[in-house]
Amino acid sequence: MIEQKKKAIGDHIYLVTQMVAFDALKVQTMLIKILGSGIVPIIDKIQKLQEKKDTGAVTKEFLSIIIPALANNFDDKAVNDLVAFLFRKNVFIEKNGHPEIVDFDTHFVGKPLDIWKVAGFILETNFAMGESIGSNSLTTGKEHQSKES
C-alpha cells in the first residue's frame, strides 16, 4: 500500500506520498551515482535508527547524513536532477485541511533551505518510513494512522 507522511517544515505542513517502485528505483540509482559506495553505510545507519521507532531521531539523523554526503560528492547537474525528480509529483502542502500541489518554482522563492529540508523529508518518506497516514491513492487520504511494524 502506498503511504503518506506529513511534517511541519518552515511555515507549512508538507504531505509526501510514497513513490511507485520504479520511481524509487530511479532515485536509488541517482543516489548511488552521486554518493557512490557511501550510500551503503547511510542506508544501514538509517535502518538501525528506524528500528528504535523514534521518527524524530530518524529524520534528524537522516538529514545530517544525506545533506553532507550530497555536498561531499557534489555534482551540480546530478544533484539538481535528483531534486527536480523528487519534487515532480507526490509533494503537497496542507491548506485549510486540504492538500495542494507544491509548485516548486514559486513555492520556494526566498526559502532555499526549505528545499533541502523538504527534499530530505521526501527521501525519508520513501526510504525510511516511520509513522504514516495510509492512502490508497497517489494523492492524499487520511484513512487511518499506522506504525511500521
N, C-alpha and C. Protein backbone atom coordinates (compact mmCIF):
# COMPACT_ATOMS: atom_id res chain seq x y z
N MET A 1 0.84 -1.18 0.00
CA MET A 1 0.00 0.00 0.00
C MET A 1 0.88 1.24 0.00
N ILE A 2 0.53 2.18 -0.81
CA ILE A 2 1.23 3.45 -0.86
C ILE A 2 0.85 4.24 0.39
N GLU A 3 1.85 4.79 1.07
CA GLU A 3 1.61 5.53 2.30
C GLU A 3 2.02 6.98 2.14
N GLN A 4 1.58 7.78 3.09
CA GLN A 4 1.86 9.21 3.06
C GLN A 4 2.26 9.68 4.44
N LYS A 5 3.22 10.59 4.50
CA LYS A 5 3.64 11.19 5.77
C LYS A 5 3.37 12.68 5.70
N LYS A 6 3.25 13.27 6.86
CA LYS A 6 3.06 14.71 6.94
C LYS A 6 4.03 15.26 7.95
N LYS A 7 4.51 16.49 7.67
CA LYS A 7 5.51 17.09 8.55
C LYS A 7 5.48 18.60 8.40
N ALA A 8 5.62 19.30 9.53
CA ALA A 8 5.72 20.76 9.50
C ALA A 8 7.17 21.13 9.23
N ILE A 9 7.37 21.93 8.20
CA ILE A 9 8.69 22.45 7.84
C ILE A 9 8.48 23.92 7.51
N GLY A 10 9.22 24.78 8.18
CA GLY A 10 9.04 26.21 7.95
C GLY A 10 7.63 26.62 8.31
N ASP A 11 6.98 27.33 7.41
CA ASP A 11 5.62 27.84 7.65
C ASP A 11 4.52 26.92 7.12
N HIS A 12 4.87 25.72 6.65
CA HIS A 12 3.89 24.85 6.01
C HIS A 12 3.91 23.45 6.58
N ILE A 13 2.79 22.76 6.39
CA ILE A 13 2.72 21.33 6.66
C ILE A 13 2.79 20.65 5.30
N TYR A 14 3.81 19.81 5.13
CA TYR A 14 4.01 19.11 3.87
C TYR A 14 3.47 17.70 3.99
N LEU A 15 2.87 17.24 2.90
CA LEU A 15 2.40 15.87 2.78
C LEU A 15 3.18 15.26 1.63
N VAL A 16 3.79 14.13 1.88
CA VAL A 16 4.56 13.45 0.84
C VAL A 16 4.05 12.03 0.72
N THR A 17 3.62 11.67 -0.48
CA THR A 17 3.15 10.33 -0.78
C THR A 17 4.31 9.52 -1.33
N GLN A 18 4.42 8.28 -0.88
CA GLN A 18 5.49 7.41 -1.37
C GLN A 18 5.44 7.31 -2.90
N MET A 19 6.62 7.15 -3.46
CA MET A 19 6.76 6.96 -4.90
C MET A 19 6.38 5.52 -5.26
N VAL A 20 5.99 5.34 -6.51
CA VAL A 20 5.82 3.98 -7.01
C VAL A 20 7.21 3.35 -7.07
N ALA A 21 7.28 2.04 -7.11
CA ALA A 21 8.54 1.31 -7.01
C ALA A 21 9.57 1.72 -8.07
N PHE A 22 9.12 1.91 -9.30
CA PHE A 22 10.09 2.24 -10.35
C PHE A 22 10.70 3.62 -10.12
N ASP A 23 9.91 4.59 -9.65
CA ASP A 23 10.45 5.91 -9.34
C ASP A 23 11.44 5.83 -8.17
N ALA A 24 11.12 5.02 -7.16
CA ALA A 24 12.04 4.83 -6.03
C ALA A 24 13.35 4.22 -6.52
N LEU A 25 13.27 3.29 -7.46
CA LEU A 25 14.48 2.70 -8.03
C LEU A 25 15.31 3.76 -8.74
N LYS A 26 14.65 4.64 -9.48
CA LYS A 26 15.37 5.73 -10.16
C LYS A 26 16.09 6.61 -9.16
N VAL A 27 15.42 6.94 -8.06
CA VAL A 27 16.05 7.78 -7.03
C VAL A 27 17.24 7.05 -6.41
N GLN A 28 17.08 5.76 -6.14
CA GLN A 28 18.20 5.00 -5.58
C GLN A 28 19.40 5.01 -6.52
N THR A 29 19.17 4.84 -7.81
CA THR A 29 20.30 4.84 -8.74
C THR A 29 20.92 6.23 -8.85
N MET A 30 20.10 7.28 -8.75
CA MET A 30 20.64 8.64 -8.74
C MET A 30 21.52 8.85 -7.50
N LEU A 31 21.04 8.36 -6.36
CA LEU A 31 21.82 8.50 -5.12
C LEU A 31 23.12 7.71 -5.20
N ILE A 32 23.07 6.52 -5.77
CA ILE A 32 24.29 5.73 -5.92
C ILE A 32 25.28 6.46 -6.82
N LYS A 33 24.77 7.07 -7.88
CA LYS A 33 25.65 7.83 -8.79
C LYS A 33 26.29 9.01 -8.05
N ILE A 34 25.52 9.69 -7.22
CA ILE A 34 26.02 10.86 -6.51
C ILE A 34 26.90 10.46 -5.33
N LEU A 35 26.46 9.48 -4.55
CA LEU A 35 27.14 9.14 -3.30
C LEU A 35 28.14 7.99 -3.45
N GLY A 36 28.04 7.25 -4.52
CA GLY A 36 28.92 6.11 -4.71
C GLY A 36 28.69 5.06 -3.64
N SER A 37 29.75 4.40 -3.25
CA SER A 37 29.63 3.33 -2.27
C SER A 37 29.25 3.86 -0.88
N GLY A 38 29.32 5.17 -0.69
CA GLY A 38 28.94 5.77 0.58
C GLY A 38 27.48 5.60 0.91
N ILE A 39 26.66 5.21 -0.04
CA ILE A 39 25.22 5.05 0.21
C ILE A 39 24.94 3.85 1.10
N VAL A 40 25.77 2.81 1.04
CA VAL A 40 25.51 1.58 1.81
C VAL A 40 25.54 1.84 3.32
N PRO A 41 26.58 2.49 3.88
CA PRO A 41 26.55 2.74 5.32
C PRO A 41 25.43 3.70 5.73
N ILE A 42 25.06 4.60 4.84
CA ILE A 42 23.96 5.52 5.14
C ILE A 42 22.67 4.75 5.31
N ILE A 43 22.36 3.87 4.37
CA ILE A 43 21.14 3.07 4.44
C ILE A 43 21.16 2.19 5.70
N ASP A 44 22.30 1.59 6.01
CA ASP A 44 22.42 0.74 7.18
C ASP A 44 22.14 1.53 8.46
N LYS A 45 22.73 2.72 8.57
CA LYS A 45 22.54 3.53 9.78
C LYS A 45 21.09 3.98 9.92
N ILE A 46 20.46 4.37 8.83
CA ILE A 46 19.06 4.80 8.88
C ILE A 46 18.17 3.64 9.30
N GLN A 47 18.43 2.44 8.78
CA GLN A 47 17.62 1.28 9.15
C GLN A 47 17.76 0.97 10.64
N LYS A 48 18.96 1.11 11.18
CA LYS A 48 19.17 0.88 12.61
C LYS A 48 18.43 1.91 13.44
N LEU A 49 18.46 3.17 13.01
CA LEU A 49 17.72 4.21 13.72
C LEU A 49 16.22 3.95 13.66
N GLN A 50 15.77 3.49 12.50
CA GLN A 50 14.34 3.23 12.32
C GLN A 50 13.86 2.13 13.26
N GLU A 51 14.71 1.17 13.54
CA GLU A 51 14.35 0.08 14.45
C GLU A 51 14.04 0.62 15.85
N LYS A 52 14.61 1.76 16.20
CA LYS A 52 14.35 2.38 17.51
C LYS A 52 12.98 3.04 17.56
N LYS A 53 12.34 3.19 16.40
CA LYS A 53 10.99 3.76 16.28
C LYS A 53 10.89 5.20 16.77
N ASP A 54 12.00 5.93 16.74
CA ASP A 54 11.99 7.35 17.11
C ASP A 54 12.08 8.14 15.80
N THR A 55 10.92 8.46 15.23
CA THR A 55 10.90 9.09 13.91
C THR A 55 11.59 10.45 13.90
N GLY A 56 11.54 11.17 15.02
CA GLY A 56 12.24 12.45 15.09
C GLY A 56 13.74 12.28 14.96
N ALA A 57 14.28 11.27 15.63
CA ALA A 57 15.71 10.99 15.55
C ALA A 57 16.09 10.52 14.16
N VAL A 58 15.22 9.69 13.56
CA VAL A 58 15.49 9.20 12.21
C VAL A 58 15.58 10.38 11.24
N THR A 59 14.62 11.30 11.33
CA THR A 59 14.60 12.44 10.43
C THR A 59 15.84 13.30 10.60
N LYS A 60 16.16 13.63 11.84
CA LYS A 60 17.32 14.48 12.12
C LYS A 60 18.60 13.80 11.65
N GLU A 61 18.74 12.52 11.98
CA GLU A 61 19.93 11.78 11.58
C GLU A 61 20.00 11.62 10.07
N PHE A 62 18.85 11.36 9.45
CA PHE A 62 18.79 11.20 8.00
C PHE A 62 19.30 12.46 7.31
N LEU A 63 18.80 13.61 7.75
CA LEU A 63 19.24 14.88 7.16
C LEU A 63 20.70 15.14 7.44
N SER A 64 21.16 14.82 8.65
CA SER A 64 22.55 15.08 9.00
C SER A 64 23.52 14.18 8.23
N ILE A 65 23.03 13.06 7.73
CA ILE A 65 23.87 12.15 6.94
C ILE A 65 23.77 12.49 5.45
N ILE A 66 22.56 12.63 4.94
CA ILE A 66 22.36 12.73 3.50
C ILE A 66 22.84 14.08 2.93
N ILE A 67 22.58 15.19 3.62
CA ILE A 67 22.95 16.50 3.09
C ILE A 67 24.47 16.64 2.98
N PRO A 68 25.26 16.34 4.04
CA PRO A 68 26.71 16.41 3.87
C PRO A 68 27.24 15.44 2.82
N ALA A 69 26.63 14.25 2.73
CA ALA A 69 27.08 13.28 1.73
C ALA A 69 26.86 13.83 0.32
N LEU A 70 25.72 14.48 0.11
CA LEU A 70 25.48 15.10 -1.20
C LEU A 70 26.50 16.21 -1.47
N ALA A 71 26.79 17.00 -0.44
CA ALA A 71 27.74 18.11 -0.60
C ALA A 71 29.16 17.61 -0.86
N ASN A 72 29.55 16.53 -0.21
CA ASN A 72 30.90 16.00 -0.38
C ASN A 72 31.14 15.44 -1.78
N ASN A 73 30.13 14.94 -2.40
CA ASN A 73 30.26 14.35 -3.74
C ASN A 73 29.50 15.20 -4.75
N PHE A 74 29.61 16.49 -4.59
CA PHE A 74 28.74 17.40 -5.32
C PHE A 74 29.00 17.41 -6.82
N ASP A 75 27.97 17.06 -7.54
CA ASP A 75 27.91 17.17 -8.99
C ASP A 75 26.62 17.95 -9.22
N ASP A 76 26.76 19.25 -9.54
CA ASP A 76 25.58 20.11 -9.57
C ASP A 76 24.48 19.59 -10.48
N LYS A 77 24.82 19.06 -11.64
CA LYS A 77 23.79 18.56 -12.54
C LYS A 77 23.08 17.34 -11.95
N ALA A 78 23.84 16.41 -11.41
CA ALA A 78 23.25 15.20 -10.82
C ALA A 78 22.36 15.55 -9.62
N VAL A 79 22.82 16.46 -8.77
CA VAL A 79 22.03 16.84 -7.59
C VAL A 79 20.78 17.61 -8.02
N ASN A 80 20.91 18.54 -8.98
CA ASN A 80 19.74 19.26 -9.48
C ASN A 80 18.73 18.32 -10.12
N ASP A 81 19.22 17.33 -10.87
CA ASP A 81 18.32 16.34 -11.47
C ASP A 81 17.59 15.53 -10.39
N LEU A 82 18.32 15.15 -9.33
CA LEU A 82 17.71 14.41 -8.23
C LEU A 82 16.62 15.25 -7.56
N VAL A 83 16.94 16.50 -7.22
CA VAL A 83 15.96 17.36 -6.54
C VAL A 83 14.74 17.59 -7.44
N ALA A 84 14.96 17.84 -8.71
CA ALA A 84 13.83 18.03 -9.64
C ALA A 84 12.95 16.79 -9.69
N PHE A 85 13.58 15.62 -9.71
CA PHE A 85 12.82 14.37 -9.75
C PHE A 85 12.02 14.18 -8.46
N LEU A 86 12.63 14.50 -7.31
CA LEU A 86 11.95 14.34 -6.03
C LEU A 86 10.69 15.19 -5.93
N PHE A 87 10.73 16.39 -6.51
CA PHE A 87 9.61 17.32 -6.39
C PHE A 87 8.62 17.25 -7.55
N ARG A 88 8.83 16.37 -8.51
CA ARG A 88 7.97 16.38 -9.70
C ARG A 88 6.55 15.93 -9.43
N LYS A 89 6.34 15.11 -8.40
CA LYS A 89 4.97 14.71 -8.04
C LYS A 89 4.98 14.17 -6.62
N ASN A 90 3.78 13.98 -6.05
CA ASN A 90 3.60 13.40 -4.72
C ASN A 90 4.01 14.31 -3.57
N VAL A 91 4.16 15.62 -3.81
CA VAL A 91 4.53 16.56 -2.76
C VAL A 91 3.46 17.64 -2.69
N PHE A 92 2.89 17.80 -1.48
CA PHE A 92 1.78 18.72 -1.27
C PHE A 92 2.03 19.57 -0.03
N ILE A 93 1.32 20.69 0.06
CA ILE A 93 1.22 21.43 1.32
C ILE A 93 -0.23 21.37 1.75
N GLU A 94 -0.42 21.45 3.05
CA GLU A 94 -1.77 21.41 3.58
C GLU A 94 -2.29 22.84 3.72
N LYS A 95 -3.41 23.12 3.08
CA LYS A 95 -4.06 24.43 3.17
C LYS A 95 -5.51 24.21 3.54
N ASN A 96 -5.91 24.77 4.68
CA ASN A 96 -7.28 24.63 5.17
C ASN A 96 -7.70 23.16 5.25
N GLY A 97 -6.78 22.31 5.65
CA GLY A 97 -7.09 20.89 5.81
C GLY A 97 -7.11 20.09 4.53
N HIS A 98 -6.75 20.72 3.41
CA HIS A 98 -6.75 20.03 2.12
C HIS A 98 -5.38 20.11 1.48
N PRO A 99 -5.01 19.07 0.72
CA PRO A 99 -3.71 19.09 0.06
C PRO A 99 -3.71 20.00 -1.17
N GLU A 100 -2.59 20.67 -1.37
CA GLU A 100 -2.40 21.50 -2.56
C GLU A 100 -1.02 21.15 -3.12
N ILE A 101 -0.96 20.90 -4.41
CA ILE A 101 0.30 20.53 -5.05
C ILE A 101 1.31 21.66 -4.89
N VAL A 102 2.55 21.30 -4.58
CA VAL A 102 3.62 22.28 -4.43
C VAL A 102 4.14 22.66 -5.82
N ASP A 103 4.07 23.95 -6.13
CA ASP A 103 4.67 24.48 -7.36
C ASP A 103 6.08 24.91 -6.99
N PHE A 104 7.04 24.06 -7.29
CA PHE A 104 8.42 24.25 -6.87
C PHE A 104 8.94 25.64 -7.21
N ASP A 105 8.72 26.10 -8.45
CA ASP A 105 9.27 27.38 -8.92
C ASP A 105 8.80 28.59 -8.11
N THR A 106 7.58 28.56 -7.61
CA THR A 106 7.09 29.71 -6.87
C THR A 106 7.06 29.48 -5.36
N HIS A 107 6.84 28.26 -4.95
CA HIS A 107 6.68 27.97 -3.52
C HIS A 107 7.95 28.25 -2.72
N PHE A 108 9.10 27.96 -3.27
CA PHE A 108 10.35 28.07 -2.52
C PHE A 108 11.11 29.37 -2.76
N VAL A 109 10.48 30.35 -3.39
CA VAL A 109 11.14 31.64 -3.60
C VAL A 109 11.50 32.22 -2.23
N GLY A 110 12.77 32.54 -2.04
CA GLY A 110 13.23 33.11 -0.78
C GLY A 110 13.38 32.11 0.35
N LYS A 111 13.20 30.81 0.07
CA LYS A 111 13.29 29.77 1.11
C LYS A 111 14.19 28.62 0.64
N PRO A 112 15.43 28.90 0.25
CA PRO A 112 16.26 27.82 -0.29
C PRO A 112 16.57 26.71 0.72
N LEU A 113 16.68 27.03 2.00
CA LEU A 113 16.95 25.99 2.98
C LEU A 113 15.78 25.02 3.10
N ASP A 114 14.55 25.53 2.94
CA ASP A 114 13.38 24.65 2.99
C ASP A 114 13.40 23.62 1.86
N ILE A 115 14.00 23.97 0.73
CA ILE A 115 14.11 22.99 -0.38
C ILE A 115 14.82 21.75 0.12
N TRP A 116 15.95 21.94 0.82
CA TRP A 116 16.74 20.80 1.29
C TRP A 116 16.02 20.04 2.39
N LYS A 117 15.33 20.76 3.27
CA LYS A 117 14.59 20.09 4.33
C LYS A 117 13.47 19.23 3.76
N VAL A 118 12.73 19.77 2.79
CA VAL A 118 11.64 19.00 2.19
C VAL A 118 12.20 17.86 1.34
N ALA A 119 13.30 18.09 0.64
CA ALA A 119 13.94 17.01 -0.13
C ALA A 119 14.33 15.86 0.82
N GLY A 120 14.88 16.21 1.98
CA GLY A 120 15.22 15.20 2.97
C GLY A 120 13.99 14.45 3.46
N PHE A 121 12.88 15.19 3.64
CA PHE A 121 11.62 14.58 4.05
C PHE A 121 11.08 13.63 2.97
N ILE A 122 11.23 14.02 1.72
CA ILE A 122 10.79 13.15 0.61
C ILE A 122 11.60 11.84 0.64
N LEU A 123 12.93 11.96 0.82
CA LEU A 123 13.77 10.77 0.89
C LEU A 123 13.42 9.92 2.10
N GLU A 124 13.19 10.57 3.23
CA GLU A 124 12.80 9.85 4.44
C GLU A 124 11.50 9.09 4.23
N THR A 125 10.52 9.74 3.63
CA THR A 125 9.22 9.12 3.39
C THR A 125 9.35 7.88 2.52
N ASN A 126 10.25 7.93 1.57
CA ASN A 126 10.37 6.83 0.62
C ASN A 126 11.36 5.75 1.02
N PHE A 127 12.32 6.10 1.89
CA PHE A 127 13.37 5.13 2.21
C PHE A 127 13.57 4.89 3.69
N ALA A 128 12.84 5.58 4.55
CA ALA A 128 12.97 5.38 5.99
C ALA A 128 11.63 5.63 6.65
N MET A 129 10.61 4.88 6.24
CA MET A 129 9.25 5.12 6.73
C MET A 129 9.14 4.89 8.22
N GLY A 130 8.49 5.84 8.88
CA GLY A 130 8.15 5.73 10.29
C GLY A 130 6.64 5.77 10.39
N GLU A 131 6.10 6.71 11.19
CA GLU A 131 4.66 6.86 11.32
C GLU A 131 4.12 7.45 10.03
N SER A 132 2.98 6.99 9.58
CA SER A 132 2.45 7.44 8.31
C SER A 132 0.94 7.52 8.32
N ILE A 133 0.42 8.11 7.27
CA ILE A 133 -1.02 8.18 7.04
C ILE A 133 -1.28 7.31 5.83
N GLY A 134 -2.12 6.30 5.97
CA GLY A 134 -2.39 5.40 4.85
C GLY A 134 -3.15 6.10 3.75
N SER A 135 -2.93 5.66 2.52
CA SER A 135 -3.63 6.22 1.38
C SER A 135 -3.71 5.16 0.31
N ASN A 136 -4.85 5.08 -0.34
CA ASN A 136 -4.96 4.13 -1.45
C ASN A 136 -4.97 4.87 -2.77
N SER A 137 -4.59 6.14 -2.75
CA SER A 137 -4.49 6.90 -3.99
C SER A 137 -3.11 7.52 -4.07
N LEU A 138 -2.76 8.05 -5.23
CA LEU A 138 -1.46 8.68 -5.39
C LEU A 138 -1.48 10.14 -4.94
N THR A 139 -2.58 10.60 -4.39
CA THR A 139 -2.64 11.97 -3.89
C THR A 139 -2.63 11.91 -2.38
N THR A 140 -3.77 12.09 -1.75
CA THR A 140 -3.79 12.05 -0.30
C THR A 140 -5.02 11.30 0.18
N GLY A 141 -5.04 11.03 1.44
CA GLY A 141 -6.19 10.39 2.04
C GLY A 141 -5.88 10.00 3.45
N LYS A 142 -6.57 10.58 4.40
CA LYS A 142 -6.34 10.27 5.81
C LYS A 142 -7.27 9.14 6.19
N GLU A 143 -6.92 7.93 5.78
CA GLU A 143 -7.80 6.80 6.07
C GLU A 143 -7.56 6.24 7.46
N HIS A 144 -6.30 6.08 7.84
CA HIS A 144 -6.01 5.58 9.18
C HIS A 144 -4.56 5.88 9.52
N GLN A 145 -4.28 5.92 10.80
CA GLN A 145 -2.93 6.09 11.28
C GLN A 145 -2.33 4.71 11.46
N SER A 146 -1.09 4.55 11.08
CA SER A 146 -0.44 3.26 11.28
C SER A 146 1.02 3.47 11.60
N LYS A 147 1.61 2.48 12.28
CA LYS A 147 3.03 2.49 12.53
C LYS A 147 3.62 1.28 11.85
N GLU A 148 4.83 1.47 11.34
CA GLU A 148 5.51 0.36 10.71
C GLU A 148 5.86 -0.68 11.76
N SER A 149 5.69 -1.94 11.42
CA SER A 149 6.00 -2.98 12.40
C SER A 149 7.37 -3.52 12.21
